[in-house]
N, C-alpha and C. Protein backbone atom coordinates (compact mmCIF):
# COMPACT_ATOMS: atom_id res chain seq x y z
N MET A 1 226.40 162.42 165.28
CA MET A 1 225.42 161.33 165.13
C MET A 1 224.53 161.22 166.36
N ALA A 2 225.09 161.41 167.54
CA ALA A 2 224.32 161.34 168.79
C ALA A 2 223.28 162.43 168.84
N VAL A 3 223.65 163.63 168.34
CA VAL A 3 222.69 164.74 168.31
C VAL A 3 221.51 164.41 167.40
N ALA A 4 221.79 163.81 166.25
CA ALA A 4 220.73 163.43 165.32
C ALA A 4 219.79 162.42 165.93
N LEU A 5 220.34 161.47 166.70
CA LEU A 5 219.50 160.46 167.34
C LEU A 5 218.58 161.09 168.38
N ARG A 6 219.17 162.07 169.15
CA ARG A 6 218.36 162.73 170.18
C ARG A 6 217.22 163.52 169.54
N ARG A 7 217.51 164.20 168.43
CA ARG A 7 216.46 164.94 167.73
C ARG A 7 215.36 164.01 167.22
N SER A 8 215.76 162.84 166.69
CA SER A 8 214.79 161.86 166.23
C SER A 8 213.90 161.38 167.36
N ALA A 9 214.50 161.18 168.54
CA ALA A 9 213.74 160.71 169.70
C ALA A 9 212.73 161.76 170.15
N LEU A 10 213.08 163.06 170.04
CA LEU A 10 212.16 164.12 170.43
C LEU A 10 210.92 164.17 169.55
N TRP A 11 211.08 163.82 168.26
CA TRP A 11 209.95 163.87 167.33
C TRP A 11 209.00 162.69 167.48
N ARG A 12 209.43 161.60 168.12
CA ARG A 12 208.60 160.39 168.18
C ARG A 12 207.26 160.60 168.88
N PRO A 13 207.20 161.31 170.05
CA PRO A 13 205.89 161.52 170.68
C PRO A 13 204.92 162.30 169.80
N PHE A 14 205.47 163.30 169.06
CA PHE A 14 204.60 164.08 168.18
C PHE A 14 204.06 163.23 167.03
N LEU A 15 204.91 162.37 166.48
CA LEU A 15 204.47 161.47 165.41
C LEU A 15 203.41 160.51 165.90
N ALA A 16 203.59 160.03 167.14
CA ALA A 16 202.60 159.11 167.71
C ALA A 16 201.25 159.78 167.86
N CYS A 17 201.26 161.04 168.31
CA CYS A 17 200.00 161.77 168.47
C CYS A 17 199.29 161.97 167.14
N ILE A 18 200.08 162.29 166.10
CA ILE A 18 199.49 162.47 164.77
C ILE A 18 198.82 161.20 164.30
N VAL A 19 199.48 160.05 164.51
CA VAL A 19 198.94 158.77 164.06
C VAL A 19 197.67 158.43 164.82
N VAL A 20 197.67 158.67 166.16
CA VAL A 20 196.52 158.29 166.99
C VAL A 20 195.32 159.18 166.74
N PHE A 21 195.54 160.50 166.61
CA PHE A 21 194.43 161.43 166.55
C PHE A 21 194.05 161.84 165.13
N SER A 22 194.81 161.46 164.14
CA SER A 22 194.48 161.82 162.77
C SER A 22 193.21 161.11 162.32
N PRO A 23 192.27 161.81 161.65
CA PRO A 23 191.04 161.16 161.15
C PRO A 23 191.33 160.16 160.05
N PHE A 24 192.54 160.20 159.49
CA PHE A 24 192.91 159.26 158.44
C PHE A 24 193.78 158.13 158.98
N SER A 25 193.84 157.99 160.29
CA SER A 25 194.70 156.97 160.87
C SER A 25 194.13 155.58 160.65
N ALA A 26 194.99 154.58 160.82
CA ALA A 26 194.54 153.19 160.68
C ALA A 26 193.48 152.85 161.71
N HIS A 27 193.58 153.46 162.91
CA HIS A 27 192.59 153.21 163.95
C HIS A 27 191.20 153.67 163.50
N ALA A 28 191.14 154.87 162.90
CA ALA A 28 189.85 155.40 162.44
C ALA A 28 189.28 154.55 161.32
N VAL A 29 190.13 154.11 160.41
CA VAL A 29 189.68 153.27 159.30
C VAL A 29 189.14 151.95 159.82
N LEU A 30 189.83 151.35 160.79
CA LEU A 30 189.38 150.08 161.36
C LEU A 30 188.06 150.24 162.08
N GLU A 31 187.91 151.36 162.82
CA GLU A 31 186.66 151.59 163.54
C GLU A 31 185.50 151.75 162.58
N ALA A 32 185.72 152.42 161.45
CA ALA A 32 184.67 152.59 160.45
C ALA A 32 184.27 151.25 159.85
N ARG A 33 185.25 150.40 159.62
CA ARG A 33 184.96 149.09 159.05
C ARG A 33 184.18 148.22 160.01
N GLU A 34 184.38 148.42 161.31
CA GLU A 34 183.74 147.55 162.30
C GLU A 34 182.33 147.99 162.63
N LYS A 35 181.88 149.14 162.13
CA LYS A 35 180.53 149.61 162.41
C LYS A 35 179.51 148.81 161.62
N GLU A 36 178.40 148.45 162.29
CA GLU A 36 177.36 147.68 161.61
C GLU A 36 176.64 148.56 160.60
N ASP A 37 176.01 147.92 159.62
CA ASP A 37 175.25 148.61 158.58
C ASP A 37 173.77 148.36 158.83
N VAL A 38 173.03 149.42 159.12
CA VAL A 38 171.59 149.34 159.38
C VAL A 38 170.88 150.23 158.37
N TYR A 39 169.84 149.70 157.71
CA TYR A 39 169.15 150.53 156.72
C TYR A 39 167.65 150.25 156.69
N LEU A 40 166.94 151.22 156.12
CA LEU A 40 165.50 151.13 155.88
C LEU A 40 165.27 151.34 154.40
N GLY A 41 164.45 150.48 153.78
CA GLY A 41 164.16 150.61 152.36
C GLY A 41 162.67 150.54 152.10
N ILE A 42 162.21 151.31 151.11
CA ILE A 42 160.83 151.22 150.65
C ILE A 42 160.86 150.97 149.15
N TYR A 43 159.85 150.26 148.63
CA TYR A 43 159.91 149.90 147.22
C TYR A 43 158.53 149.69 146.62
N ALA A 44 158.50 149.78 145.30
CA ALA A 44 157.33 149.40 144.49
C ALA A 44 157.63 148.06 143.84
N LEU A 45 156.61 147.26 143.61
CA LEU A 45 156.82 145.93 143.03
C LEU A 45 155.79 145.61 141.97
N GLY A 46 156.18 144.74 141.08
CA GLY A 46 155.27 144.13 140.13
C GLY A 46 155.31 142.63 140.30
N SER A 47 154.16 142.00 140.38
CA SER A 47 154.09 140.55 140.56
C SER A 47 153.77 139.87 139.24
N LEU A 48 154.44 138.77 138.98
CA LEU A 48 154.25 137.97 137.77
C LEU A 48 153.95 136.53 138.20
N PRO A 49 152.71 136.23 138.57
CA PRO A 49 152.38 134.91 139.10
C PRO A 49 152.53 133.80 138.06
N VAL A 50 152.86 132.63 138.56
CA VAL A 50 152.90 131.41 137.75
C VAL A 50 151.51 130.77 137.81
N ASN A 51 150.97 130.41 136.66
CA ASN A 51 149.63 129.81 136.64
C ASN A 51 149.66 128.38 137.15
N THR A 52 149.05 128.16 138.31
CA THR A 52 148.87 126.81 138.86
C THR A 52 147.38 126.61 139.10
N ASN A 53 146.90 125.41 138.91
CA ASN A 53 145.47 125.14 138.97
C ASN A 53 144.93 125.18 140.40
N VAL A 54 143.77 125.80 140.56
CA VAL A 54 143.10 125.77 141.86
C VAL A 54 142.38 124.43 142.03
N ILE A 55 142.11 124.11 143.28
CA ILE A 55 141.31 122.94 143.63
C ILE A 55 140.01 123.45 144.24
N LEU A 56 138.88 123.17 143.59
CA LEU A 56 137.57 123.61 144.06
C LEU A 56 136.74 122.39 144.41
N ALA A 57 136.37 122.28 145.67
CA ALA A 57 135.56 121.15 146.15
C ALA A 57 136.19 119.81 145.77
N GLY A 58 137.52 119.73 145.87
CA GLY A 58 138.23 118.48 145.60
C GLY A 58 138.50 118.21 144.14
N MET A 59 138.12 119.12 143.24
CA MET A 59 138.32 118.92 141.80
C MET A 59 139.28 119.99 141.26
N GLU A 60 140.24 119.55 140.45
CA GLU A 60 141.22 120.47 139.89
C GLU A 60 140.62 121.22 138.70
N ALA A 61 140.80 122.55 138.70
CA ALA A 61 140.29 123.38 137.62
C ALA A 61 141.43 123.67 136.65
N THR A 62 141.52 122.86 135.60
CA THR A 62 142.58 123.03 134.60
C THR A 62 142.37 124.33 133.82
N GLY A 63 143.45 125.07 133.64
CA GLY A 63 143.35 126.33 132.91
C GLY A 63 143.21 127.53 133.81
N THR A 64 143.57 127.39 135.09
CA THR A 64 143.52 128.52 136.02
C THR A 64 144.48 129.63 135.58
N ALA A 65 144.05 130.87 135.70
CA ALA A 65 144.89 132.03 135.38
C ALA A 65 144.96 132.95 136.60
N VAL A 66 146.19 133.25 137.04
CA VAL A 66 146.41 134.20 138.13
C VAL A 66 147.01 135.46 137.51
N GLY A 67 146.29 136.58 137.65
CA GLY A 67 146.69 137.80 136.96
C GLY A 67 147.82 138.56 137.64
N LYS A 68 148.50 139.38 136.85
CA LYS A 68 149.58 140.23 137.36
C LYS A 68 149.01 141.32 138.27
N GLY A 69 149.88 141.87 139.11
CA GLY A 69 149.44 142.93 140.00
C GLY A 69 150.60 143.80 140.45
N GLY A 70 150.25 144.95 141.04
CA GLY A 70 151.25 145.87 141.56
C GLY A 70 151.09 146.03 143.05
N GLY A 71 152.15 146.48 143.71
CA GLY A 71 152.10 146.67 145.14
C GLY A 71 153.29 147.44 145.65
N ALA A 72 153.54 147.32 146.96
CA ALA A 72 154.63 148.05 147.59
C ALA A 72 155.10 147.29 148.81
N GLY A 73 156.27 147.69 149.33
CA GLY A 73 156.81 147.01 150.49
C GLY A 73 157.79 147.89 151.26
N ILE A 74 158.15 147.40 152.45
CA ILE A 74 159.12 148.08 153.31
C ILE A 74 160.03 147.03 153.94
N GLN A 75 161.30 147.37 154.12
CA GLN A 75 162.26 146.44 154.69
C GLN A 75 163.22 147.17 155.63
N VAL A 76 163.61 146.48 156.70
CA VAL A 76 164.60 146.98 157.65
C VAL A 76 165.64 145.89 157.83
N ALA A 77 166.93 146.23 157.71
CA ALA A 77 167.98 145.21 157.76
C ALA A 77 169.15 145.67 158.60
N ILE A 78 169.90 144.70 159.12
CA ILE A 78 171.15 144.96 159.83
C ILE A 78 172.20 143.97 159.35
N PHE A 79 173.38 144.49 159.03
CA PHE A 79 174.55 143.69 158.69
C PHE A 79 175.58 143.92 159.79
N PRO A 80 175.74 142.98 160.73
CA PRO A 80 176.62 143.19 161.89
C PRO A 80 178.09 143.31 161.51
N ALA A 81 178.83 143.98 162.38
CA ALA A 81 180.26 144.19 162.14
C ALA A 81 181.03 142.88 162.15
N PHE A 82 180.61 141.91 163.02
CA PHE A 82 181.40 140.68 163.14
C PHE A 82 181.30 139.79 161.90
N THR A 83 180.37 140.10 160.99
CA THR A 83 180.30 139.38 159.71
C THR A 83 180.99 140.15 158.59
N ASN A 84 181.72 141.22 158.97
CA ASN A 84 182.32 142.12 157.99
C ASN A 84 181.27 142.76 157.09
N ARG A 85 180.05 142.86 157.63
CA ARG A 85 178.90 143.45 156.92
C ARG A 85 178.61 142.72 155.62
N MET A 86 178.88 141.42 155.63
CA MET A 86 178.61 140.58 154.46
C MET A 86 177.39 139.70 154.64
N VAL A 87 176.99 139.44 155.88
CA VAL A 87 175.82 138.62 156.19
C VAL A 87 174.88 139.45 157.05
N GLY A 88 173.60 139.50 156.66
CA GLY A 88 172.65 140.32 157.38
C GLY A 88 171.30 139.66 157.54
N VAL A 89 170.49 140.26 158.42
CA VAL A 89 169.12 139.81 158.67
C VAL A 89 168.19 140.96 158.32
N GLU A 90 167.13 140.63 157.61
CA GLU A 90 166.19 141.65 157.12
C GLU A 90 164.76 141.28 157.49
N LEU A 91 164.02 142.25 158.00
CA LEU A 91 162.58 142.11 158.22
C LEU A 91 161.87 142.83 157.10
N GLU A 92 160.84 142.20 156.54
CA GLU A 92 160.21 142.74 155.34
C GLU A 92 158.69 142.53 155.38
N TYR A 93 157.98 143.53 154.90
CA TYR A 93 156.53 143.41 154.72
C TYR A 93 156.17 143.97 153.35
N PHE A 94 155.41 143.20 152.57
CA PHE A 94 154.96 143.70 151.27
C PHE A 94 153.58 143.16 150.92
N ALA A 95 152.90 143.91 150.07
CA ALA A 95 151.52 143.57 149.71
C ALA A 95 151.28 143.91 148.24
N HIS A 96 150.37 143.16 147.62
CA HIS A 96 150.01 143.44 146.23
C HIS A 96 148.66 142.83 145.91
N GLY A 97 148.10 143.22 144.79
CA GLY A 97 146.85 142.67 144.33
C GLY A 97 147.07 141.65 143.22
N ALA A 98 146.03 140.89 142.94
CA ALA A 98 146.05 139.90 141.85
C ALA A 98 144.61 139.54 141.51
N THR A 99 144.45 138.82 140.43
CA THR A 99 143.13 138.32 140.04
C THR A 99 143.21 136.81 139.84
N LEU A 100 142.08 136.16 139.99
CA LEU A 100 142.00 134.70 139.85
C LEU A 100 140.80 134.35 138.99
N SER A 101 141.02 133.52 137.98
CA SER A 101 139.91 133.03 137.16
C SER A 101 140.21 131.61 136.72
N PHE A 102 139.15 130.80 136.62
CA PHE A 102 139.34 129.40 136.24
C PHE A 102 138.02 128.82 135.72
N PRO A 103 138.10 127.93 134.75
CA PRO A 103 136.89 127.23 134.27
C PRO A 103 136.43 126.23 135.32
N LEU A 104 135.13 126.08 135.46
CA LEU A 104 134.59 125.15 136.45
C LEU A 104 134.73 123.71 135.97
N ALA A 105 135.31 122.87 136.81
CA ALA A 105 135.50 121.47 136.45
C ALA A 105 134.18 120.70 136.47
N SER A 106 133.20 121.19 137.24
CA SER A 106 131.93 120.48 137.39
C SER A 106 130.92 120.81 136.31
N GLY A 107 131.23 121.77 135.44
CA GLY A 107 130.26 122.14 134.41
C GLY A 107 130.66 123.44 133.75
N PRO A 108 129.79 123.97 132.88
CA PRO A 108 130.13 125.23 132.18
C PRO A 108 130.15 126.41 133.16
N GLY A 109 130.93 127.40 132.78
CA GLY A 109 131.02 128.59 133.62
C GLY A 109 132.45 128.84 134.06
N THR A 110 132.65 130.00 134.67
CA THR A 110 133.97 130.41 135.12
C THR A 110 133.88 130.98 136.53
N GLY A 111 134.83 130.62 137.35
CA GLY A 111 134.95 131.20 138.68
C GLY A 111 135.95 132.34 138.65
N THR A 112 135.61 133.44 139.31
CA THR A 112 136.50 134.60 139.32
C THR A 112 136.58 135.19 140.73
N SER A 113 137.69 135.88 140.98
CA SER A 113 137.86 136.56 142.27
C SER A 113 139.04 137.51 142.18
N ASP A 114 139.01 138.54 143.00
CA ASP A 114 140.18 139.38 143.25
C ASP A 114 140.92 138.83 144.45
N LEU A 115 142.24 139.02 144.46
CA LEU A 115 143.07 138.58 145.56
C LEU A 115 143.89 139.74 146.11
N VAL A 116 144.07 139.74 147.42
CA VAL A 116 145.02 140.64 148.08
C VAL A 116 146.03 139.77 148.81
N ILE A 117 147.32 139.93 148.49
CA ILE A 117 148.38 139.11 149.06
C ILE A 117 149.20 139.96 150.02
N LEU A 118 149.34 139.49 151.27
CA LEU A 118 150.09 140.20 152.32
C LEU A 118 151.17 139.27 152.86
N ASN A 119 152.42 139.73 152.90
CA ASN A 119 153.54 138.89 153.32
C ASN A 119 154.39 139.57 154.38
N SER A 120 154.68 138.85 155.45
CA SER A 120 155.61 139.30 156.49
C SER A 120 156.75 138.30 156.55
N MET A 121 157.97 138.73 156.19
CA MET A 121 159.09 137.81 156.02
C MET A 121 160.31 138.22 156.84
N ILE A 122 161.10 137.22 157.22
CA ILE A 122 162.42 137.45 157.76
C ILE A 122 163.41 136.79 156.80
N ASN A 123 164.38 137.57 156.35
CA ASN A 123 165.31 137.13 155.30
C ASN A 123 166.74 137.06 155.81
N LEU A 124 167.47 136.09 155.32
CA LEU A 124 168.91 135.99 155.56
C LEU A 124 169.61 136.36 154.27
N LEU A 125 170.44 137.41 154.31
CA LEU A 125 171.07 137.96 153.11
C LEU A 125 172.58 137.79 153.13
N PHE A 126 173.13 137.57 151.95
CA PHE A 126 174.58 137.46 151.76
C PHE A 126 174.96 138.44 150.65
N ARG A 127 175.93 139.34 150.91
CA ARG A 127 176.25 140.35 149.93
C ARG A 127 177.75 140.58 149.82
N TYR A 128 178.11 141.17 148.69
CA TYR A 128 179.48 141.64 148.50
C TYR A 128 179.52 143.12 148.88
N PRO A 129 180.28 143.50 149.90
CA PRO A 129 180.23 144.88 150.41
C PRO A 129 181.06 145.85 149.59
N GLY A 130 180.69 146.06 148.34
CA GLY A 130 181.41 147.01 147.51
C GLY A 130 181.14 148.45 147.93
N ARG A 131 181.97 149.37 147.50
CA ARG A 131 181.81 150.77 147.89
C ARG A 131 180.67 151.45 147.14
N VAL A 132 180.46 151.09 145.88
CA VAL A 132 179.41 151.72 145.08
C VAL A 132 178.30 150.72 144.74
N ILE A 133 178.66 149.55 144.24
CA ILE A 133 177.69 148.52 143.85
C ILE A 133 177.80 147.35 144.82
N GLN A 134 176.64 146.90 145.32
CA GLN A 134 176.61 145.80 146.28
C GLN A 134 175.59 144.74 145.84
N PRO A 135 176.02 143.70 145.15
CA PRO A 135 175.12 142.60 144.80
C PRO A 135 174.84 141.72 146.01
N TYR A 136 173.67 141.08 146.05
CA TYR A 136 173.32 140.23 147.18
C TYR A 136 172.34 139.14 146.76
N ILE A 137 172.32 138.09 147.55
CA ILE A 137 171.35 137.01 147.39
C ILE A 137 170.80 136.67 148.78
N GLY A 138 169.69 135.94 148.82
CA GLY A 138 169.14 135.60 150.13
C GLY A 138 167.99 134.62 150.05
N ILE A 139 167.59 134.18 151.22
CA ILE A 139 166.42 133.32 151.38
C ILE A 139 165.58 133.88 152.52
N GLY A 140 164.28 133.60 152.49
CA GLY A 140 163.40 134.13 153.53
C GLY A 140 162.21 133.24 153.77
N ALA A 141 161.59 133.43 154.92
CA ALA A 141 160.38 132.69 155.28
C ALA A 141 159.55 133.53 156.24
N GLY A 142 158.26 133.23 156.28
CA GLY A 142 157.37 133.97 157.17
C GLY A 142 155.92 133.64 156.88
N THR A 143 155.04 134.55 157.26
CA THR A 143 153.61 134.34 157.05
C THR A 143 153.17 134.99 155.75
N SER A 144 152.32 134.29 155.03
CA SER A 144 151.73 134.79 153.79
C SER A 144 150.22 134.68 153.90
N GLN A 145 149.56 135.77 153.62
CA GLN A 145 148.11 135.82 153.76
C GLN A 145 147.48 136.21 152.44
N ALA A 146 146.48 135.46 152.03
CA ALA A 146 145.76 135.75 150.79
C ALA A 146 144.29 135.97 151.12
N ILE A 147 143.76 137.10 150.66
CA ILE A 147 142.36 137.46 150.93
C ILE A 147 141.57 137.39 149.62
N VAL A 148 140.54 136.56 149.62
CA VAL A 148 139.61 136.48 148.49
C VAL A 148 138.58 137.60 148.64
N VAL A 149 138.49 138.45 147.62
CA VAL A 149 137.60 139.62 147.70
C VAL A 149 136.66 139.62 146.50
N GLY A 150 135.37 139.78 146.77
CA GLY A 150 134.37 139.91 145.69
C GLY A 150 134.35 138.72 144.75
N SER A 151 134.38 137.53 145.29
CA SER A 151 134.47 136.35 144.44
C SER A 151 133.12 135.98 143.82
N ASN A 152 133.21 135.36 142.67
CA ASN A 152 132.04 134.79 141.99
C ASN A 152 132.39 133.35 141.65
N ILE A 153 132.30 132.49 142.67
CA ILE A 153 132.71 131.10 142.54
C ILE A 153 131.55 130.20 142.96
N PRO A 154 130.90 129.53 142.03
CA PRO A 154 129.78 128.64 142.37
C PRO A 154 130.22 127.58 143.39
N GLY A 155 129.33 127.28 144.32
CA GLY A 155 129.61 126.28 145.35
C GLY A 155 130.18 126.85 146.62
N ARG A 156 130.52 128.15 146.64
CA ARG A 156 131.02 128.80 147.84
C ARG A 156 129.97 129.78 148.36
N THR A 157 129.67 129.66 149.66
CA THR A 157 128.66 130.54 150.24
C THR A 157 129.22 131.93 150.54
N ASN A 158 130.52 132.01 150.87
CA ASN A 158 131.15 133.30 151.17
C ASN A 158 131.69 133.91 149.89
N LYS A 159 131.04 134.96 149.43
CA LYS A 159 131.43 135.56 148.15
C LYS A 159 132.13 136.92 148.31
N ASP A 160 132.19 137.45 149.52
CA ASP A 160 132.71 138.80 149.70
C ASP A 160 134.14 138.83 150.23
N PHE A 161 134.42 138.06 151.27
CA PHE A 161 135.71 138.23 151.95
C PHE A 161 136.06 136.95 152.71
N GLU A 162 137.26 136.43 152.43
CA GLU A 162 137.75 135.28 153.20
C GLU A 162 139.28 135.26 153.17
N THR A 163 139.88 134.95 154.31
CA THR A 163 141.33 135.01 154.46
C THR A 163 141.92 133.62 154.62
N ALA A 164 143.07 133.41 153.99
CA ALA A 164 143.85 132.18 154.18
C ALA A 164 145.25 132.58 154.63
N LEU A 165 145.69 132.05 155.76
CA LEU A 165 147.01 132.36 156.31
C LEU A 165 147.86 131.10 156.31
N THR A 166 149.10 131.21 155.81
CA THR A 166 149.96 130.03 155.70
C THR A 166 151.42 130.44 155.79
N LEU A 167 152.30 129.45 155.77
CA LEU A 167 153.74 129.70 155.73
C LEU A 167 154.17 129.94 154.29
N GLY A 168 154.97 130.97 154.08
CA GLY A 168 155.52 131.26 152.77
C GLY A 168 157.03 131.29 152.82
N TYR A 169 157.67 131.07 151.69
CA TYR A 169 159.13 131.17 151.62
C TYR A 169 159.52 131.81 150.29
N GLN A 170 160.72 132.40 150.25
CA GLN A 170 161.13 133.12 149.06
C GLN A 170 162.64 133.04 148.85
N PHE A 171 163.02 133.24 147.59
CA PHE A 171 164.42 133.32 147.17
C PHE A 171 164.64 134.71 146.58
N ILE A 172 165.81 135.30 146.89
CA ILE A 172 166.04 136.71 146.60
C ILE A 172 167.37 136.91 145.88
N GLY A 173 167.39 137.82 144.93
CA GLY A 173 168.63 138.27 144.31
C GLY A 173 168.50 139.74 143.99
N GLY A 174 169.51 140.55 144.34
CA GLY A 174 169.35 141.98 144.14
C GLY A 174 170.65 142.72 143.98
N LEU A 175 170.52 144.04 143.83
CA LEU A 175 171.67 144.90 143.60
C LEU A 175 171.39 146.26 144.22
N GLN A 176 172.31 146.72 145.07
CA GLN A 176 172.23 148.06 145.64
C GLN A 176 173.26 148.96 144.97
N GLY A 177 172.87 150.20 144.71
CA GLY A 177 173.78 151.20 144.16
C GLY A 177 173.81 152.41 145.06
N ASN A 178 174.94 152.72 145.66
CA ASN A 178 175.06 153.79 146.63
C ASN A 178 175.08 155.16 145.94
N LEU A 179 174.14 156.03 146.33
CA LEU A 179 174.13 157.41 145.83
C LEU A 179 175.02 158.30 146.68
N SER A 180 175.08 157.99 147.97
CA SER A 180 175.92 158.72 148.92
C SER A 180 176.23 157.77 150.07
N GLU A 181 176.83 158.32 151.12
CA GLU A 181 177.17 157.48 152.26
C GLU A 181 175.93 156.93 152.95
N ARG A 182 174.79 157.63 152.84
CA ARG A 182 173.59 157.23 153.57
C ARG A 182 172.45 156.76 152.67
N THR A 183 172.41 157.15 151.42
CA THR A 183 171.29 156.80 150.56
C THR A 183 171.71 155.86 149.43
N PHE A 184 170.78 155.03 149.00
CA PHE A 184 171.06 154.09 147.91
C PHE A 184 169.77 153.75 147.18
N LEU A 185 169.92 153.31 145.95
CA LEU A 185 168.85 152.73 145.16
C LEU A 185 169.05 151.23 145.10
N PHE A 186 167.97 150.48 144.94
CA PHE A 186 168.13 149.04 144.81
C PHE A 186 167.08 148.46 143.87
N SER A 187 167.46 147.37 143.25
CA SER A 187 166.57 146.60 142.38
C SER A 187 166.68 145.14 142.79
N GLU A 188 165.55 144.44 142.75
CA GLU A 188 165.55 143.09 143.31
C GLU A 188 164.60 142.17 142.53
N TYR A 189 165.00 140.92 142.45
CA TYR A 189 164.11 139.86 141.95
C TYR A 189 163.87 138.89 143.10
N LYS A 190 162.64 138.42 143.22
CA LYS A 190 162.38 137.37 144.21
C LYS A 190 161.31 136.41 143.69
N HIS A 191 161.33 135.22 144.25
CA HIS A 191 160.33 134.20 143.91
C HIS A 191 159.70 133.73 145.20
N LEU A 192 158.38 133.84 145.28
CA LEU A 192 157.63 133.49 146.49
C LEU A 192 156.76 132.26 146.24
N ALA A 193 156.67 131.41 147.26
CA ALA A 193 155.79 130.24 147.20
C ALA A 193 154.96 130.16 148.48
N ALA A 194 153.66 129.90 148.34
CA ALA A 194 152.75 129.75 149.48
C ALA A 194 151.55 128.92 149.03
N ASP A 195 151.04 128.10 149.93
CA ASP A 195 149.91 127.22 149.61
C ASP A 195 148.70 127.69 150.40
N TYR A 196 147.71 128.32 149.71
CA TYR A 196 146.55 128.91 150.37
C TYR A 196 145.37 127.93 150.37
N HIS A 197 144.64 127.93 151.49
CA HIS A 197 143.44 127.09 151.61
C HIS A 197 142.30 127.93 152.17
N TRP A 198 141.25 128.09 151.36
CA TRP A 198 140.01 128.71 151.80
C TRP A 198 138.94 127.63 151.89
N SER A 199 137.70 128.03 152.18
CA SER A 199 136.60 127.08 152.24
C SER A 199 136.33 126.50 150.85
N LYS A 200 136.56 125.19 150.68
CA LYS A 200 136.32 124.45 149.43
C LYS A 200 137.21 124.92 148.27
N LEU A 201 138.23 125.71 148.57
CA LEU A 201 139.08 126.26 147.52
C LEU A 201 140.52 126.33 148.00
N SER A 202 141.46 125.92 147.14
CA SER A 202 142.88 126.01 147.50
C SER A 202 143.70 126.38 146.26
N LEU A 203 144.85 127.02 146.50
CA LEU A 203 145.73 127.47 145.41
C LEU A 203 147.17 127.35 145.86
N ASP A 204 147.96 126.63 145.08
CA ASP A 204 149.40 126.54 145.32
C ASP A 204 150.04 127.73 144.61
N PHE A 205 150.19 128.84 145.33
CA PHE A 205 150.58 130.12 144.74
C PHE A 205 152.09 130.18 144.53
N ARG A 206 152.49 130.62 143.33
CA ARG A 206 153.89 130.86 142.99
C ARG A 206 153.95 132.17 142.22
N SER A 207 154.92 133.02 142.54
CA SER A 207 155.00 134.28 141.84
C SER A 207 156.43 134.79 141.76
N HIS A 208 156.77 135.42 140.63
CA HIS A 208 158.00 136.18 140.48
C HIS A 208 157.69 137.63 140.82
N TYR A 209 158.69 138.34 141.36
CA TYR A 209 158.53 139.75 141.67
C TYR A 209 159.71 140.55 141.12
N VAL A 210 159.40 141.72 140.59
CA VAL A 210 160.42 142.69 140.18
C VAL A 210 160.23 143.92 141.06
N ILE A 211 161.32 144.35 141.71
CA ILE A 211 161.26 145.39 142.74
C ILE A 211 162.23 146.52 142.42
N VAL A 212 161.79 147.75 142.64
CA VAL A 212 162.64 148.93 142.52
C VAL A 212 162.37 149.82 143.73
N GLY A 213 163.45 150.26 144.44
CA GLY A 213 163.23 151.04 145.63
C GLY A 213 164.38 151.96 145.98
N ILE A 214 164.21 152.66 147.09
CA ILE A 214 165.22 153.58 147.62
C ILE A 214 165.41 153.30 149.10
N GLY A 215 166.65 153.46 149.60
CA GLY A 215 166.94 153.13 150.98
C GLY A 215 167.76 154.21 151.67
N LEU A 216 167.73 154.17 153.02
CA LEU A 216 168.45 155.12 153.86
C LEU A 216 169.20 154.35 154.94
N ARG A 217 170.50 154.64 155.08
CA ARG A 217 171.31 154.03 156.13
C ARG A 217 171.34 154.92 157.38
N PHE A 218 171.50 154.26 158.54
CA PHE A 218 171.53 154.98 159.81
C PHE A 218 172.90 154.83 160.48
């Protein structure tokens, strides 16, 4: 029995080395789990604006129509290790086009314009860190800029180009699907709100967005 114990004792250092240096050891698994998740994503979007009435020279134009539009965006995010990669911060920029038309409240006729919407947002995201599918939700805020282009709106002297910059906020819900350890596809819904004010014209802008994109982890 003493011989057996001595032989067991001789094997212990070798077993310890295997546990410490094995790529499948608990230490390696823990280190992988503690690594932060950093990614870059690009996407195409479709905007589905909610029709809200514009205010022209202090008068509400009932029957305002804000047209659908397409665009694109880019996002960079980090999910730190100390949150178990469940809470992250994302920087995002996206842009799209739209159209604006409304009957004139002061008389017959219609006001029309093209719009370019530019948004720079910082988002707080909460996700379930699944291995293949990762659902997430979030909120965001930042600057929202709307450019009136080629407008035909009676009572406004500037018909070519005018910018309105304001605070915007958004609500986000999405789903990531991992293609590999580094690449993933994602689909997202978001709702954006911003209140734009130009010369003699204002619009309480609301829009739904449908997003499809691809991402790369670092």
